[in-house]
Amino acid sequence: MKKLLLSTIISTFSLFTYAQNDPAVKKIMNEVAAKYDSYKNIEATFDFHLANERGQIEHTSQGMLYLHKPKNQYNILLNEGEIISNGKTIWNISEEDKEINISDIDNNSNIIGPNNLFTFYQKGYNYKLLNRNNTNTGANKEIELIPIDTKTNYSKIILNVSKNNTINSVTLFDKSRRRYIYTIKKLSSKNELPASLFTLNKEKYKNYYINDLR
């Protein structure tokens, strides 16, 4: 539980299929994607909750995400530690264990991770609008995504989208019905982010055990 749960988000699921996707829902998703595609750098604060199959919260964490999109670089600060990627390598740092796991980045386009958290839904999913009966155009929209690939770890994803075409939350349901809930508290686009955010500061973690998995 104390491990960095964000780093375990490995995409895609299997369960339902829909005969036809709603063009109106596709339009919403395109508008959301266009908004985030216009950002070069993103800084976001978020809450993370892990819930069991009954919806009961088992673990909570707060975090900060820094994302440099052109190079697929990111830095995630959590209560439990830190995850850093320079676009090629990932350093997964556990403060409790005083350990750093090093691995190569997985370029599989089906993987949901920090570098595509705001755009992963653009392909590979069937979808529908859950709150279709809500006629208030100013209300948030809930979109259910079902992965087309059947060889996956999750059954579905629910996006909560604001009237301003921003993502309020992403909820992932795995096949054991556990829920991984990411709620975006604040997001801004930055002109520049320091390069030091996206590489390991060895001096900061010089007493940590290094586990190189490459």
Protein backbone atom coordinates (compact mmCIF):
# COMPACT_ATOMS: atom_id res chain seq x y z
CA MET A 1 0.00 0.00 0.00
CA LYS A 2 2.86 2.34 0.80
CA LYS A 3 4.36 1.81 -2.62
CA LEU A 4 3.74 4.51 -5.17
CA LEU A 5 0.40 3.41 -6.53
CA LEU A 6 0.38 5.85 -9.43
CA SER A 7 3.25 4.02 -11.03
CA THR A 8 1.18 0.82 -11.19
CA ILE A 9 -1.47 2.23 -13.49
CA ILE A 10 -1.13 -0.10 -16.42
CA SER A 11 -3.81 0.41 -18.92
CA THR A 12 -6.68 -1.22 -20.36
CA PHE A 13 -9.47 -3.51 -19.56
CA SER A 14 -12.15 -5.85 -20.73
CA LEU A 15 -15.82 -6.23 -20.13
CA PHE A 16 -18.54 -4.52 -22.11
CA THR A 17 -18.80 -3.37 -25.69
CA TYR A 18 -21.17 -0.93 -27.29
CA ALA A 19 -22.63 -1.24 -30.75
CA GLN A 20 -22.03 2.41 -31.55
CA ASN A 21 -20.31 5.34 -29.89
CA ASP A 22 -22.29 8.51 -29.44
CA PRO A 23 -20.94 11.33 -31.68
CA ALA A 24 -21.97 13.87 -29.02
CA VAL A 25 -19.76 12.14 -26.46
CA LYS A 26 -16.90 11.96 -28.97
CA LYS A 27 -17.28 15.71 -29.47
CA ILE A 28 -16.91 16.28 -25.71
CA MET A 29 -13.78 14.15 -25.57
CA ASN A 30 -12.28 15.90 -28.59
CA GLU A 31 -12.87 19.28 -26.96
CA VAL A 32 -11.24 18.11 -23.73
CA ALA A 33 -8.26 16.67 -25.62
CA ALA A 34 -7.85 19.87 -27.66
CA LYS A 35 -7.65 21.89 -24.46
CA TYR A 36 -4.87 19.76 -22.99
CA ASP A 37 -3.07 19.39 -26.32
CA SER A 38 -2.57 23.16 -26.29
CA TYR A 39 -0.49 22.92 -23.09
CA LYS A 40 3.26 22.42 -23.27
CA ASN A 41 3.79 22.12 -19.51
CA ILE A 42 1.30 21.20 -16.81
CA GLU A 43 1.40 21.65 -13.05
CA ALA A 44 -1.41 19.98 -11.13
CA THR A 45 -2.34 19.12 -7.56
CA PHE A 46 -4.48 16.05 -7.03
CA ASP A 47 -5.96 13.70 -4.46
CA PHE A 48 -5.64 9.96 -4.84
CA HIS A 49 -8.03 7.44 -3.25
CA LEU A 50 -7.94 3.66 -3.38
CA ALA A 51 -11.36 2.14 -2.67
CA ASN A 52 -12.47 -1.48 -2.33
CA GLU A 53 -15.30 -3.12 -4.26
CA ARG A 54 -17.86 -1.64 -1.85
CA GLY A 55 -16.54 1.87 -2.49
CA GLN A 56 -14.92 2.14 0.95
CA ILE A 57 -11.71 4.20 0.95
CA GLU A 58 -8.67 2.11 1.95
CA HIS A 59 -5.90 4.56 1.18
CA THR A 60 -5.62 8.29 0.55
CA SER A 61 -2.75 10.41 -0.68
CA GLN A 62 -2.20 13.92 -1.97
CA GLY A 63 0.17 14.77 -4.73
CA MET A 64 1.66 17.22 -7.17
CA LEU A 65 2.27 16.47 -10.84
CA TYR A 66 4.71 18.32 -13.08
CA LEU A 67 4.52 17.34 -16.75
CA HIS A 68 6.67 18.41 -19.69
CA LYS A 69 4.71 17.07 -22.65
CA PRO A 70 7.16 17.54 -25.57
CA LYS A 71 9.67 15.15 -23.97
CA ASN A 72 7.18 12.98 -22.01
CA GLN A 73 8.89 13.97 -18.79
CA TYR A 74 7.15 14.08 -15.42
CA ASN A 75 7.66 14.39 -11.70
CA ILE A 76 5.09 13.21 -9.15
CA LEU A 77 5.37 14.14 -5.49
CA LEU A 78 3.29 12.03 -3.11
CA ASN A 79 3.05 11.54 0.63
CA GLU A 80 4.92 8.26 0.21
CA GLY A 81 7.70 9.43 -2.04
CA GLU A 82 8.40 10.56 -5.56
CA ILE A 83 8.26 9.30 -9.16
CA ILE A 84 10.56 10.91 -11.72
CA SER A 85 10.89 10.30 -15.44
CA ASN A 86 13.18 11.99 -17.95
CA GLY A 87 11.27 10.41 -20.84
CA LYS A 88 13.53 7.36 -21.00
CA THR A 89 14.06 6.26 -17.38
CA ILE A 90 11.74 6.08 -14.37
CA TRP A 91 12.93 6.49 -10.79
CA ASN A 92 10.33 5.22 -8.31
CA ILE A 93 11.33 6.48 -4.86
CA SER A 94 9.88 5.08 -1.63
CA GLU A 95 10.62 7.17 1.44
CA GLU A 96 9.37 4.48 3.83
CA ASP A 97 11.61 1.77 2.38
CA LYS A 98 14.49 4.11 1.58
CA GLU A 99 14.60 2.49 -1.82
CA ILE A 100 14.77 3.62 -5.44
CA ASN A 101 13.58 1.32 -8.22
CA ILE A 102 14.95 2.23 -11.65
CA SER A 103 13.29 1.02 -14.85
CA ASP A 104 13.07 1.90 -18.52
CA ILE A 105 10.02 3.79 -19.75
CA ASP A 106 7.43 1.60 -21.46
CA ASN A 107 6.48 3.16 -24.79
CA ASN A 108 3.36 1.00 -25.17
CA SER A 109 0.67 3.45 -26.27
CA ASN A 110 -1.97 1.47 -24.33
CA ILE A 111 -0.42 2.27 -20.98
CA ILE A 112 -2.12 4.94 -18.89
CA GLY A 113 0.46 7.01 -17.07
CA PRO A 114 1.26 10.53 -15.91
CA ASN A 115 2.43 11.60 -19.37
CA ASN A 116 -0.95 10.84 -20.98
CA LEU A 117 -3.34 11.05 -18.03
CA PHE A 118 -5.24 13.89 -19.72
CA THR A 119 -5.36 12.40 -23.24
CA PHE A 120 -5.29 8.58 -22.98
CA TYR A 121 -9.01 8.30 -23.80
CA GLN A 122 -8.59 9.53 -27.38
CA LYS A 123 -8.34 6.03 -28.83
CA GLY A 124 -8.82 2.40 -27.86
CA TYR A 125 -12.14 2.80 -26.01
CA ASN A 126 -15.86 2.51 -26.50
CA TYR A 127 -17.76 5.10 -24.52
CA LYS A 128 -21.12 6.46 -23.42
CA LEU A 129 -22.47 9.38 -21.42
CA LEU A 130 -23.72 8.23 -17.99
CA ASN A 131 -25.73 11.29 -16.94
CA ARG A 132 -27.56 11.71 -20.23
CA ASN A 133 -30.84 12.62 -18.51
CA ASN A 134 -29.25 15.69 -16.94
CA THR A 135 -30.40 18.53 -19.18
CA ASN A 136 -28.42 21.19 -17.33
CA THR A 137 -25.71 22.13 -19.80
CA GLY A 138 -23.65 23.64 -17.00
CA ALA A 139 -23.46 20.35 -15.13
CA ASN A 140 -20.43 18.10 -15.07
CA LYS A 141 -20.48 15.20 -17.51
CA GLU A 142 -19.63 11.61 -16.65
CA ILE A 143 -18.26 9.48 -19.48
CA GLU A 144 -17.78 5.74 -19.14
CA LEU A 145 -14.92 4.27 -21.16
CA ILE A 146 -14.67 0.56 -21.91
CA PRO A 147 -11.38 -0.61 -23.45
CA ILE A 148 -11.53 -2.39 -26.77
CA ASP A 149 -8.52 -4.57 -25.88
CA THR A 150 -9.72 -7.57 -23.85
CA LYS A 151 -6.29 -8.50 -22.47
CA THR A 152 -6.18 -5.80 -19.85
CA ASN A 153 -6.16 -5.15 -16.11
CA TYR A 154 -9.13 -2.84 -15.73
CA SER A 155 -12.82 -3.18 -16.51
CA LYS A 156 -13.71 0.46 -17.11
CA ILE A 157 -12.81 4.11 -16.53
CA ILE A 158 -15.10 6.98 -15.65
CA LEU A 159 -14.13 10.54 -16.61
CA ASN A 160 -15.78 13.45 -14.84
CA VAL A 161 -15.58 16.47 -17.15
CA SER A 162 -16.45 20.06 -16.21
CA LYS A 163 -18.47 22.50 -18.29
CA ASN A 164 -15.14 24.15 -19.18
CA ASN A 165 -13.87 20.93 -20.78
CA THR A 166 -11.40 20.11 -18.03
CA ILE A 167 -11.07 16.76 -16.29
CA ASN A 168 -12.22 16.87 -12.67
CA SER A 169 -11.50 13.22 -11.90
CA VAL A 170 -10.48 9.89 -13.37
CA THR A 171 -11.76 6.68 -11.75
CA LEU A 172 -10.27 3.35 -12.81
CA PHE A 173 -12.01 0.07 -11.95
CA ASP A 174 -9.81 -3.02 -11.96
CA LYS A 175 -11.12 -6.53 -12.46
CA SER A 176 -11.33 -7.12 -8.69
CA ARG A 177 -13.64 -4.06 -8.56
CA ARG A 178 -11.16 -1.93 -6.69
CA ARG A 179 -11.23 1.73 -7.64
CA TYR A 180 -8.32 4.09 -8.24
CA ILE A 181 -9.67 7.63 -8.02
CA TYR A 182 -7.66 10.67 -9.11
CA THR A 183 -9.28 14.03 -8.39
CA ILE A 184 -7.65 17.08 -9.97
CA LYS A 185 -7.73 19.89 -7.42
CA LYS A 186 -5.90 22.56 -9.38
CA LEU A 187 -4.25 22.64 -12.79
CA SER A 188 -2.29 25.29 -14.60
CA SER A 189 -0.18 25.54 -17.73
CA LYS A 190 3.36 26.72 -17.16
CA ASN A 191 5.60 28.32 -19.77
CA GLU A 192 8.70 26.59 -18.41
CA LEU A 193 9.58 23.98 -15.81
CA PRO A 194 13.13 23.50 -14.47
CA ALA A 195 14.97 20.56 -16.04
CA SER A 196 16.07 19.46 -12.56
CA LEU A 197 12.51 18.29 -11.86
CA PHE A 198 12.92 15.46 -14.34
CA THR A 199 16.14 13.80 -13.21
CA LEU A 200 17.22 12.10 -10.00
CA ASN A 201 19.07 14.23 -7.46
CA LYS A 202 21.52 11.62 -6.19
CA GLU A 203 22.65 13.80 -3.31
CA LYS A 204 19.11 13.96 -1.97
CA TYR A 205 18.81 10.18 -1.93
CA LYS A 206 22.41 9.08 -1.37
CA ASN A 207 21.49 6.79 1.56
CA TYR A 208 18.77 4.96 -0.40
CA TYR A 209 19.07 1.41 -1.71
CA ILE A 210 19.21 1.38 -5.51
CA ASN A 211 17.35 -1.43 -7.29
CA ASP A 212 18.14 -1.20 -11.01
CA LEU A 213 15.55 -3.20 -12.94
CA ARG A 214 16.73 -2.25 -16.43
